Amino acid sequence: LINSPQKGVQMVIDTKYKPRYYNGSVDLEDYRQISGYARLKSVYEKLETDYRQNIDWLIIYPNQTGEHLEKIDLAQKESLPNYVQFYKLGVRLREINKSKE
């Protein structure tokens, strides 16, 4: 969870190691999973948010073609079609070079 109401950011976040999200849509099972998290009473209580208010959802996935990000920039999140307040964000992962010498 991100709970920073003073910055206007309250959301449920899940990470998926699914590089195909870069060019494709999110799997239906992943929509269902994160939507389930975003409907838990305990989540609303931790965020101190009214149950009648929708909470933003975010899926973070690997994107090795993007710039290396030391810090996640929520301004770069991408809105997902057909859903309200559901986003995805690709983050470049560090790579370990284990070449044999």
PDB file of N, CA and C in Angstrom:
ATOM      1  N   LEU A   1       0.830  -1.192   0.000  1.00  0.00           N
ATOM      2  CA  LEU A   1       0.000   0.000   0.000  1.00  0.00           C
ATOM      3  C   LEU A   1       0.868   1.247   0.000  1.00  0.00           C
ATOM      4  N   ILE A   2       0.429   2.236  -0.714  1.00  0.00           N
ATOM      5  CA  ILE A   2       1.018   3.563  -0.575  1.00  0.00           C
ATOM      6  C   ILE A   2      -0.058   4.417   0.078  1.00  0.00           C
ATOM      7  N   ASN A   3       0.292   5.049   1.173  1.00  0.00           N
ATOM      8  CA  ASN A   3      -0.654   5.890   1.885  1.00  0.00           C
ATOM      9  C   ASN A   3      -0.010   7.244   2.156  1.00  0.00           C
ATOM     10  N   SER A   4      -0.196   8.141   1.222  1.00  0.00           N
ATOM     11  CA  SER A   4       0.355   9.481   1.345  1.00  0.00           C
ATOM     12  C   SER A   4      -0.712  10.502   0.945  1.00  0.00           C
ATOM     13  N   PRO A   5      -1.759  10.642   1.791  1.00  0.00           N
ATOM     14  CA  PRO A   5      -2.858  11.533   1.423  1.00  0.00           C
ATOM     15  C   PRO A   5      -2.436  12.985   1.233  1.00  0.00           C
ATOM     16  N   GLN A   6      -1.395  13.427   1.954  1.00  0.00           N
ATOM     17  CA  GLN A   6      -0.924  14.801   1.783  1.00  0.00           C
ATOM     18  C   GLN A   6      -0.390  15.032   0.375  1.00  0.00           C
ATOM     19  N   LYS A   7       0.091  13.971  -0.294  1.00  0.00           N
ATOM     20  CA  LYS A   7       0.562  14.067  -1.678  1.00  0.00           C
ATOM     21  C   LYS A   7      -0.514  13.607  -2.666  1.00  0.00           C
ATOM     22  N   GLY A   8      -1.681  13.246  -2.139  1.00  0.00           N
ATOM     23  CA  GLY A   8      -2.778  12.802  -3.001  1.00  0.00           C
ATOM     24  C   GLY A   8      -2.576  11.409  -3.572  1.00  0.00           C
ATOM     25  N   VAL A   9      -1.812  10.571  -2.860  1.00  0.00           N
ATOM     26  CA  VAL A   9      -1.535   9.225  -3.364  1.00  0.00           C
ATOM     27  C   VAL A   9      -1.944   8.190  -2.322  1.00  0.00           C
ATOM     28  N   GLN A  10      -2.934   7.397  -2.673  1.00  0.00           N
ATOM     29  CA  GLN A  10      -3.343   6.245  -1.886  1.00  0.00           C
ATOM     30  C   GLN A  10      -3.651   5.146  -2.888  1.00  0.00           C
ATOM     31  N   MET A  11      -2.916   4.034  -2.813  1.00  0.00           N
ATOM     32  CA  MET A  11      -3.162   2.978  -3.784  1.00  0.00           C
ATOM     33  C   MET A  11      -2.687   1.624  -3.294  1.00  0.00           C
ATOM     34  N   VAL A  12      -3.273   0.620  -3.928  1.00  0.00           N
ATOM     35  CA  VAL A  12      -2.867  -0.760  -3.726  1.00  0.00           C
ATOM     36  C   VAL A  12      -1.926  -1.108  -4.873  1.00  0.00           C
ATOM     37  N   ILE A  13      -0.778  -1.692  -4.541  1.00  0.00           N
ATOM     38  CA  ILE A  13       0.222  -2.017  -5.555  1.00  0.00           C
ATOM     39  C   ILE A  13       0.534  -3.509  -5.491  1.00  0.00           C
ATOM     40  N   ASP A  14       0.684  -4.087  -6.659  1.00  0.00           N
ATOM     41  CA  ASP A  14       1.122  -5.476  -6.769  1.00  0.00           C
ATOM     42  C   ASP A  14       2.189  -5.537  -7.848  1.00  0.00           C
ATOM     43  N   THR A  15       3.133  -6.440  -7.700  1.00  0.00           N
ATOM     44  CA  THR A  15       4.167  -6.598  -8.718  1.00  0.00           C
ATOM     45  C   THR A  15       3.978  -7.937  -9.411  1.00  0.00           C
ATOM     46  N   LYS A  16       4.253  -7.949 -10.689  1.00  0.00           N
ATOM     47  CA  LYS A  16       4.142  -9.163 -11.497  1.00  0.00           C
ATOM     48  C   LYS A  16       5.373  -9.251 -12.378  1.00  0.00           C
ATOM     49  N   TYR A  17       6.008 -10.416 -12.379  1.00  0.00           N
ATOM     50  CA  TYR A  17       7.143 -10.599 -13.259  1.00  0.00           C
ATOM     51  C   TYR A  17       6.616 -11.133 -14.591  1.00  0.00           C
ATOM     52  N   LYS A  18       6.009 -10.219 -15.345  1.00  0.00           N
ATOM     53  CA  LYS A  18       5.403 -10.563 -16.635  1.00  0.00           C
ATOM     54  C   LYS A  18       5.806  -9.495 -17.650  1.00  0.00           C
ATOM     55  N   PRO A  19       6.968  -9.673 -18.280  1.00  0.00           N
ATOM     56  CA  PRO A  19       7.460  -8.668 -19.231  1.00  0.00           C
ATOM     57  C   PRO A  19       6.482  -8.355 -20.363  1.00  0.00           C
ATOM     58  N   ARG A  20       5.581  -9.291 -20.690  1.00  0.00           N
ATOM     59  CA  ARG A  20       4.628  -9.048 -21.783  1.00  0.00           C
ATOM     60  C   ARG A  20       3.694  -7.869 -21.511  1.00  0.00           C
ATOM     61  N   TYR A  21       3.602  -7.430 -20.266  1.00  0.00           N
ATOM     62  CA  TYR A  21       2.748  -6.283 -19.957  1.00  0.00           C
ATOM     63  C   TYR A  21       3.224  -5.012 -20.650  1.00  0.00           C
ATOM     64  N   TYR A  22       4.477  -5.002 -21.092  1.00  0.00           N
ATOM     65  CA  TYR A  22       5.013  -3.834 -21.792  1.00  0.00           C
ATOM     66  C   TYR A  22       4.186  -3.530 -23.034  1.00  0.00           C
ATOM     67  N   ASN A  23       3.862  -4.531 -23.815  1.00  0.00           N
ATOM     68  CA  ASN A  23       3.086  -4.333 -25.042  1.00  0.00           C
ATOM     69  C   ASN A  23       1.662  -4.832 -24.945  1.00  0.00           C
ATOM     70  N   GLY A  24       1.327  -5.519 -23.897  1.00  0.00           N
ATOM     71  CA  GLY A  24       0.016  -6.141 -23.821  1.00  0.00           C
ATOM     72  C   GLY A  24      -0.798  -5.674 -22.638  1.00  0.00           C
ATOM     73  N   SER A  25      -1.943  -6.282 -22.531  1.00  0.00           N
ATOM     74  CA  SER A  25      -2.833  -5.938 -21.429  1.00  0.00           C
ATOM     75  C   SER A  25      -2.564  -6.842 -20.237  1.00  0.00           C
ATOM     76  N   VAL A  26      -3.157  -6.502 -19.147  1.00  0.00           N
ATOM     77  CA  VAL A  26      -3.004  -7.246 -17.908  1.00  0.00           C
ATOM     78  C   VAL A  26      -3.908  -8.475 -17.961  1.00  0.00           C
ATOM     79  N   ASP A  27      -3.425  -9.601 -17.429  1.00  0.00           N
ATOM     80  CA  ASP A  27      -4.222 -10.825 -17.381  1.00  0.00           C
ATOM     81  C   ASP A  27      -5.459 -10.635 -16.516  1.00  0.00           C
ATOM     82  N   LEU A  28      -6.548 -11.257 -16.919  1.00  0.00           N
ATOM     83  CA  LEU A  28      -7.798 -11.178 -16.170  1.00  0.00           C
ATOM     84  C   LEU A  28      -7.605 -11.643 -14.723  1.00  0.00           C
ATOM     85  N   GLU A  29      -6.810 -12.683 -14.531  1.00  0.00           N
ATOM     86  CA  GLU A  29      -6.567 -13.184 -13.173  1.00  0.00           C
ATOM     87  C   GLU A  29      -5.872 -12.125 -12.307  1.00  0.00           C
ATOM     88  N   ASP A  30      -4.980 -11.343 -12.926  1.00  0.00           N
ATOM     89  CA  ASP A  30      -4.291 -10.287 -12.174  1.00  0.00           C
ATOM     90  C   ASP A  30      -5.243  -9.143 -11.838  1.00  0.00           C
ATOM     91  N   TYR A  31      -6.136  -8.802 -12.770  1.00  0.00           N
ATOM     92  CA  TYR A  31      -7.174  -7.807 -12.464  1.00  0.00           C
ATOM     93  C   TYR A  31      -7.977  -8.272 -11.252  1.00  0.00           C
ATOM     94  N   ARG A  32      -8.376  -9.504 -11.267  1.00  0.00           N
ATOM     95  CA  ARG A  32      -9.205 -10.041 -10.179  1.00  0.00           C
ATOM     96  C   ARG A  32      -8.444 -10.047  -8.857  1.00  0.00           C
ATOM     97  N   GLN A  33      -7.183 -10.454  -8.903  1.00  0.00           N
ATOM     98  CA  GLN A  33      -6.399 -10.523  -7.675  1.00  0.00           C
ATOM     99  C   GLN A  33      -6.242  -9.151  -7.026  1.00  0.00           C
ATOM    100  N   ILE A  34      -5.802  -8.173  -7.795  1.00  0.00           N
ATOM    101  CA  ILE A  34      -5.578  -6.854  -7.192  1.00  0.00           C
ATOM    102  C   ILE A  34      -6.899  -6.175  -6.838  1.00  0.00           C
ATOM    103  N   SER A  35      -7.946  -6.449  -7.599  1.00  0.00           N
ATOM    104  CA  SER A  35      -9.231  -5.870  -7.248  1.00  0.00           C
ATOM    105  C   SER A  35      -9.723  -6.452  -5.925  1.00  0.00           C
ATOM    106  N   GLY A  36      -9.410  -7.719  -5.677  1.00  0.00           N
ATOM    107  CA  GLY A  36      -9.748  -8.322  -4.387  1.00  0.00           C
ATOM    108  C   GLY A  36      -9.010  -7.644  -3.242  1.00  0.00           C
ATOM    109  N   TYR A  37      -7.721  -7.373  -3.437  1.00  0.00           N
ATOM    110  CA  TYR A  37      -6.954  -6.647  -2.413  1.00  0.00           C
ATOM    111  C   TYR A  37      -7.564  -5.270  -2.160  1.00  0.00           C
ATOM    112  N   ALA A  38      -7.973  -4.621  -3.230  1.00  0.00           N
ATOM    113  CA  ALA A  38      -8.466  -3.245  -3.124  1.00  0.00           C
ATOM    114  C   ALA A  38      -9.877  -3.173  -2.552  1.00  0.00           C
ATOM    115  N   ARG A  39     -10.465  -4.303  -2.253  1.00  0.00           N
ATOM    116  CA  ARG A  39     -11.809  -4.307  -1.670  1.00  0.00           C
ATOM    117  C   ARG A  39     -11.824  -4.826  -0.232  1.00  0.00           C
ATOM    118  N   LEU A  40     -10.655  -5.116   0.309  1.00  0.00           N
ATOM    119  CA  LEU A  40     -10.578  -5.586   1.692  1.00  0.00           C
ATOM    120  C   LEU A  40     -10.836  -4.438   2.666  1.00  0.00           C
ATOM    121  N   LYS A  41     -11.656  -4.684   3.651  1.00  0.00           N
ATOM    122  CA  LYS A  41     -11.928  -3.660   4.658  1.00  0.00           C
ATOM    123  C   LYS A  41     -10.645  -3.214   5.352  1.00  0.00           C
ATOM    124  N   SER A  42      -9.742  -4.166   5.595  1.00  0.00           N
ATOM    125  CA  SER A  42      -8.498  -3.814   6.292  1.00  0.00           C
ATOM    126  C   SER A  42      -7.667  -2.817   5.481  1.00  0.00           C
ATOM    127  N   VAL A  43      -7.735  -2.893   4.163  1.00  0.00           N
ATOM    128  CA  VAL A  43      -7.015  -1.940   3.312  1.00  0.00           C
ATOM    129  C   VAL A  43      -7.611  -0.543   3.480  1.00  0.00           C
ATOM    130  N   TYR A  44      -8.932  -0.456   3.442  1.00  0.00           N
ATOM    131  CA  TYR A  44      -9.594   0.843   3.631  1.00  0.00           C
ATOM    132  C   TYR A  44      -9.290   1.408   5.011  1.00  0.00           C
ATOM    133  N   GLU A  45      -9.226   0.549   6.011  1.00  0.00           N
ATOM    134  CA  GLU A  45      -8.918   1.006   7.367  1.00  0.00           C
ATOM    135  C   GLU A  45      -7.486   1.538   7.453  1.00  0.00           C
ATOM    136  N   LYS A  46      -6.537   0.825   6.845  1.00  0.00           N
ATOM    137  CA  LYS A  46      -5.142   1.287   6.870  1.00  0.00           C
ATOM    138  C   LYS A  46      -4.968   2.599   6.113  1.00  0.00           C
ATOM    139  N   LEU A  47      -5.724   2.746   5.025  1.00  0.00           N
ATOM    140  CA  LEU A  47      -5.649   3.988   4.253  1.00  0.00           C
ATOM    141  C   LEU A  47      -6.533   5.085   4.850  1.00  0.00           C
ATOM    142  N   GLU A  48      -7.312   4.727   5.868  1.00  0.00           N
ATOM    143  CA  GLU A  48      -8.249   5.656   6.496  1.00  0.00           C
ATOM    144  C   GLU A  48      -9.130   6.319   5.445  1.00  0.00           C
ATOM    145  N   THR A  49      -9.699   5.465   4.588  1.00  0.00           N
ATOM    146  CA  THR A  49     -10.526   5.914   3.465  1.00  0.00           C
ATOM    147  C   THR A  49     -11.932   5.354   3.610  1.00  0.00           C
ATOM    148  N   ASP A  50     -12.903   6.133   3.203  1.00  0.00           N
ATOM    149  CA  ASP A  50     -14.306   5.728   3.220  1.00  0.00           C
ATOM    150  C   ASP A  50     -14.509   4.544   2.283  1.00  0.00           C
ATOM    151  N   TYR A  51     -15.269   3.546   2.716  1.00  0.00           N
ATOM    152  CA  TYR A  51     -15.530   2.347   1.908  1.00  0.00           C
ATOM    153  C   TYR A  51     -16.197   2.669   0.571  1.00  0.00           C
ATOM    154  N   ARG A  52     -16.874   3.785   0.481  1.00  0.00           N
ATOM    155  CA  ARG A  52     -17.571   4.141  -0.766  1.00  0.00           C
ATOM    156  C   ARG A  52     -16.651   4.771  -1.798  1.00  0.00           C
ATOM    157  N   GLN A  53     -15.408   5.025  -1.438  1.00  0.00           N
ATOM    158  CA  GLN A  53     -14.445   5.654  -2.346  1.00  0.00           C
ATOM    159  C   GLN A  53     -13.605   4.575  -3.037  1.00  0.00           C
ATOM    160  N   ASN A  54     -13.411   4.708  -4.343  1.00  0.00           N
ATOM    161  CA  ASN A  54     -12.538   3.784  -5.063  1.00  0.00           C
ATOM    162  C   ASN A  54     -11.078   4.101  -4.751  1.00  0.00           C
ATOM    163  N   ILE A  55     -10.297   3.043  -4.609  1.00  0.00           N
ATOM    164  CA  ILE A  55      -8.867   3.181  -4.376  1.00  0.00           C
ATOM    165  C   ILE A  55      -8.146   2.906  -5.686  1.00  0.00           C
ATOM    166  N   ASP A  56      -7.092   3.663  -5.972  1.00  0.00           N
ATOM    167  CA  ASP A  56      -6.273   3.407  -7.159  1.00  0.00           C
ATOM    168  C   ASP A  56      -5.572   2.063  -7.015  1.00  0.00           C
ATOM    169  N   TRP A  57      -5.371   1.386  -8.144  1.00  0.00           N
ATOM    170  CA  TRP A  57      -4.647   0.123  -8.187  1.00  0.00           C
ATOM    171  C   TRP A  57      -3.491   0.295  -9.131  1.00  0.00           C
ATOM    172  N   LEU A  58      -2.388  -0.357  -8.845  1.00  0.00           N
ATOM    173  CA  LEU A  58      -1.205  -0.270  -9.703  1.00  0.00           C
ATOM    174  C   LEU A  58      -0.517  -1.625  -9.779  1.00  0.00           C
ATOM    175  N   ILE A  59      -0.201  -2.052 -11.003  1.00  0.00           N
ATOM    176  CA  ILE A  59       0.616  -3.234 -11.214  1.00  0.00           C
ATOM    177  C   ILE A  59       1.967  -2.764 -11.734  1.00  0.00           C
ATOM    178  N   ILE A  60       3.028  -3.209 -11.062  1.00  0.00           N
ATOM    179  CA  ILE A  60       4.388  -2.902 -11.491  1.00  0.00           C
ATOM    180  C   ILE A  60       4.948  -4.157 -12.156  1.00  0.00           C
ATOM    181  N   TYR A  61       5.559  -3.976 -13.328  1.00  0.00           N
ATOM    182  CA  TYR A  61       6.079  -5.103 -14.098  1.00  0.00           C
ATOM    183  C   TYR A  61       7.453  -4.739 -14.652  1.00  0.00           C
ATOM    184  N   PRO A  62       8.261  -5.734 -15.057  1.00  0.00           N
ATOM    185  CA  PRO A  62       9.588  -5.434 -15.608  1.00  0.00           C
ATOM    186  C   PRO A  62       9.504  -4.849 -17.014  1.00  0.00           C
ATOM    187  N   ASN A  63      10.331  -3.834 -17.267  1.00  0.00           N
ATOM    188  CA  ASN A  63      10.415  -3.223 -18.592  1.00  0.00           C
ATOM    189  C   ASN A  63      11.888  -2.912 -18.854  1.00  0.00           C
ATOM    190  N   GLN A  64      12.574  -3.845 -19.454  1.00  0.00           N
ATOM    191  CA  GLN A  64      14.006  -3.693 -19.671  1.00  0.00           C
ATOM    192  C   GLN A  64      14.349  -2.715 -20.787  1.00  0.00           C
ATOM    193  N   THR A  65      13.366  -2.227 -21.529  1.00  0.00           N
ATOM    194  CA  THR A  65      13.638  -1.244 -22.573  1.00  0.00           C
ATOM    195  C   THR A  65      13.565   0.184 -22.049  1.00  0.00           C
ATOM    196  N   GLY A  66      13.060   0.352 -20.841  1.00  0.00           N
ATOM    197  CA  GLY A  66      12.914   1.689 -20.285  1.00  0.00           C
ATOM    198  C   GLY A  66      14.195   2.202 -19.661  1.00  0.00           C
ATOM    199  N   GLU A  67      14.152   3.441 -19.241  1.00  0.00           N
ATOM    200  CA  GLU A  67      15.294   4.026 -18.549  1.00  0.00           C
ATOM    201  C   GLU A  67      15.432   3.352 -17.188  1.00  0.00           C
ATOM    202  N   HIS A  68      16.661   3.279 -16.719  1.00  0.00           N
ATOM    203  CA  HIS A  68      16.866   2.699 -15.384  1.00  0.00           C
ATOM    204  C   HIS A  68      16.324   3.662 -14.342  1.00  0.00           C
ATOM    205  N   LEU A  69      15.447   3.167 -13.512  1.00  0.00           N
ATOM    206  CA  LEU A  69      14.845   4.017 -12.491  1.00  0.00           C
ATOM    207  C   LEU A  69      15.368   3.646 -11.114  1.00  0.00           C
ATOM    208  N   GLU A  70      15.998   4.573 -10.455  1.00  0.00           N
ATOM    209  CA  GLU A  70      16.416   4.359  -9.075  1.00  0.00           C
ATOM    210  C   GLU A  70      15.219   4.501  -8.136  1.00  0.00           C
ATOM    211  N   LYS A  71      14.257   5.265  -8.584  1.00  0.00           N
ATOM    212  CA  LYS A  71      13.073   5.526  -7.781  1.00  0.00           C
ATOM    213  C   LYS A  71      11.856   5.406  -8.689  1.00  0.00           C
ATOM    214  N   ILE A  72      10.803   4.771  -8.215  1.00  0.00           N
ATOM    215  CA  ILE A  72       9.589   4.621  -9.008  1.00  0.00           C
ATOM    216  C   ILE A  72       8.918   5.984  -9.154  1.00  0.00           C
ATOM    217  N   ASP A  73       8.599   6.343 -10.390  1.00  0.00           N
ATOM    218  CA  ASP A  73       7.953   7.621 -10.683  1.00  0.00           C
ATOM    219  C   ASP A  73       6.492   7.362 -11.035  1.00  0.00           C
ATOM    220  N   LEU A  74       5.602   7.579 -10.079  1.00  0.00           N
ATOM    221  CA  LEU A  74       4.185   7.314 -10.294  1.00  0.00           C
ATOM    222  C   LEU A  74       3.576   8.185 -11.390  1.00  0.00           C
ATOM    223  N   ALA A  75       4.228   9.291 -11.717  1.00  0.00           N
ATOM    224  CA  ALA A  75       3.730  10.146 -12.795  1.00  0.00           C
ATOM    225  C   ALA A  75       3.812   9.433 -14.142  1.00  0.00           C
ATOM    226  N   GLN A  76       4.627   8.382 -14.230  1.00  0.00           N
ATOM    227  CA  GLN A  76       4.776   7.656 -15.486  1.00  0.00           C
ATOM    228  C   GLN A  76       3.845   6.445 -15.588  1.00  0.00           C
ATOM    229  N   LYS A  77       2.955   6.283 -14.620  1.00  0.00           N
ATOM    230  CA  LYS A  77       2.026   5.156 -14.675  1.00  0.00           C
ATOM    231  C   LYS A  77       1.101   5.306 -15.884  1.00  0.00           C
ATOM    232  N   GLU A  78       0.647   4.180 -16.388  1.00  0.00           N
ATOM    233  CA  GLU A  78      -0.178   4.124 -17.591  1.00  0.00           C
ATOM    234  C   GLU A  78      -1.579   3.653 -17.214  1.00  0.00           C
ATOM    235  N   SER A  79      -2.589   4.405 -17.604  1.00  0.00           N
ATOM    236  CA  SER A  79      -3.965   4.033 -17.316  1.00  0.00           C
ATOM    237  C   SER A  79      -4.365   2.818 -18.153  1.00  0.00           C
ATOM    238  N   LEU A  80      -5.076   1.878 -17.551  1.00  0.00           N
ATOM    239  CA  LEU A  80      -5.515   0.683 -18.270  1.00  0.00           C
ATOM    240  C   LEU A  80      -6.954   0.858 -18.753  1.00  0.00           C
ATOM    241  N   PRO A  81      -7.218   0.465 -19.993  1.00  0.00           N
ATOM    242  CA  PRO A  81      -8.556   0.646 -20.563  1.00  0.00           C
ATOM    243  C   PRO A  81      -9.592  -0.239 -19.874  1.00  0.00           C
ATOM    244  N   ASN A  82     -10.811   0.209 -19.888  1.00  0.00           N
ATOM    245  CA  ASN A  82     -11.972  -0.541 -19.380  1.00  0.00           C
ATOM    246  C   ASN A  82     -12.059  -0.642 -17.863  1.00  0.00           C
ATOM    247  N   TYR A  83     -11.130  -0.035 -17.144  1.00  0.00           N
ATOM    248  CA  TYR A  83     -11.163  -0.086 -15.686  1.00  0.00           C
ATOM    249  C   TYR A  83     -10.979   1.317 -15.119  1.00  0.00           C
ATOM    250  N   VAL A  84     -11.577   1.542 -13.974  1.00  0.00           N
ATOM    251  CA  VAL A  84     -11.492   2.838 -13.312  1.00  0.00           C
ATOM    252  C   VAL A  84     -10.347   2.809 -12.307  1.00  0.00           C
ATOM    253  N   GLN A  85      -9.462   3.800 -12.422  1.00  0.00           N
ATOM    254  CA  GLN A  85      -8.368   3.986 -11.478  1.00  0.00           C
ATOM    255  C   GLN A  85      -7.441   2.768 -11.384  1.00  0.00           C
ATOM    256  N   PHE A  86      -7.194   2.112 -12.511  1.00  0.00           N
ATOM    257  CA  PHE A  86      -6.289   0.965 -12.572  1.00  0.00           C
ATOM    258  C   PHE A  86      -5.146   1.319 -13.511  1.00  0.00           C
ATOM    259  N   TYR A  87      -3.908   1.145 -13.035  1.00  0.00           N
ATOM    260  CA  TYR A  87      -2.725   1.579 -13.784  1.00  0.00           C
ATOM    261  C   TYR A  87      -1.676   0.472 -13.821  1.00  0.00           C
ATOM    262  N   LYS A  88      -0.737   0.610 -14.758  1.00  0.00           N
ATOM    263  CA  LYS A  88       0.443  -0.250 -14.779  1.00  0.00           C
ATOM    264  C   LYS A  88       1.668   0.643 -14.939  1.00  0.00           C
ATOM    265  N   LEU A  89       2.802   0.129 -14.467  1.00  0.00           N
ATOM    266  CA  LEU A  89       4.042   0.894 -14.528  1.00  0.00           C
ATOM    267  C   LEU A  89       5.196  -0.075 -14.737  1.00  0.00           C
ATOM    268  N   GLY A  90       5.924   0.125 -15.831  1.00  0.00           N
ATOM    269  CA  GLY A  90       7.092  -0.705 -16.115  1.00  0.00           C
ATOM    270  C   GLY A  90       8.332  -0.132 -15.450  1.00  0.00           C
ATOM    271  N   VAL A  91       9.099  -1.002 -14.831  1.00  0.00           N
ATOM    272  CA  VAL A  91      10.318  -0.597 -14.138  1.00  0.00           C
ATOM    273  C   VAL A  91      11.467  -1.462 -14.643  1.00  0.00           C
ATOM    274  N   ARG A  92      12.538  -0.808 -15.017  1.00  0.00           N
ATOM    275  CA  ARG A  92      13.714  -1.549 -15.471  1.00  0.00           C
ATOM    276  C   ARG A  92      14.396  -2.192 -14.272  1.00  0.00           C
ATOM    277  N   LEU A  93      14.660  -3.482 -14.380  1.00  0.00           N
ATOM    278  CA  LEU A  93      15.319  -4.218 -13.306  1.00  0.00           C
ATOM    279  C   LEU A  93      16.821  -4.233 -13.530  1.00  0.00           C
ATOM    280  N   ARG A  94      17.551  -4.259 -12.456  1.00  0.00           N
ATOM    281  CA  ARG A  94      19.013  -4.380 -12.569  1.00  0.00           C
ATOM    282  C   ARG A  94      19.340  -5.758 -13.118  1.00  0.00           C
ATOM    283  N   GLU A  95      20.369  -5.801 -13.943  1.00  0.00           N
ATOM    284  CA  GLU A  95      20.796  -7.061 -14.529  1.00  0.00           C
ATOM    285  C   GLU A  95      22.165  -7.432 -13.986  1.00  0.00           C
ATOM    286  N   ILE A  96      22.336  -8.712 -13.708  1.00  0.00           N
ATOM    287  CA  ILE A  96      23.611  -9.210 -13.221  1.00  0.00           C
ATOM    288  C   ILE A  96      24.300  -9.917 -14.377  1.00  0.00           C
ATOM    289  N   ASN A  97      25.499  -9.506 -14.661  1.00  0.00           N
ATOM    290  CA  ASN A  97      26.278 -10.112 -15.740  1.00  0.00           C
ATOM    291  C   ASN A  97      27.124 -11.217 -15.133  1.00  0.00           C
ATOM    292  N   LYS A  98      26.772 -12.465 -15.459  1.00  0.00           N
ATOM    293  CA  LYS A  98      27.511 -13.603 -14.917  1.00  0.00           C
ATOM    294  C   LYS A  98      28.279 -14.295 -16.045  1.00  0.00           C
ATOM    295  N   SER A  99      28.949 -13.516 -16.843  1.00  0.00           N
ATOM    296  CA  SER A  99      29.715 -14.111 -17.941  1.00  0.00           C
ATOM    297  C   SER A  99      30.901 -14.895 -17.389  1.00  0.00           C
ATOM    298  N   LYS A 100      31.176 -16.020 -18.043  1.00  0.00           N
ATOM    299  CA  LYS A 100      32.301 -16.852 -17.620  1.00  0.00           C
ATOM    300  C   LYS A 100      33.581 -16.349 -18.260  1.00  0.00           C
ATOM    301  N   GLU A 101      34.581 -16.197 -17.470  1.00  0.00           N
ATOM    302  CA  GLU A 101      35.862 -15.684 -17.978  1.00  0.00           C
ATOM    303  C   GLU A 101      36.881 -16.786 -18.064  1.00  0.00           C
TER     304      GLU A 101
END
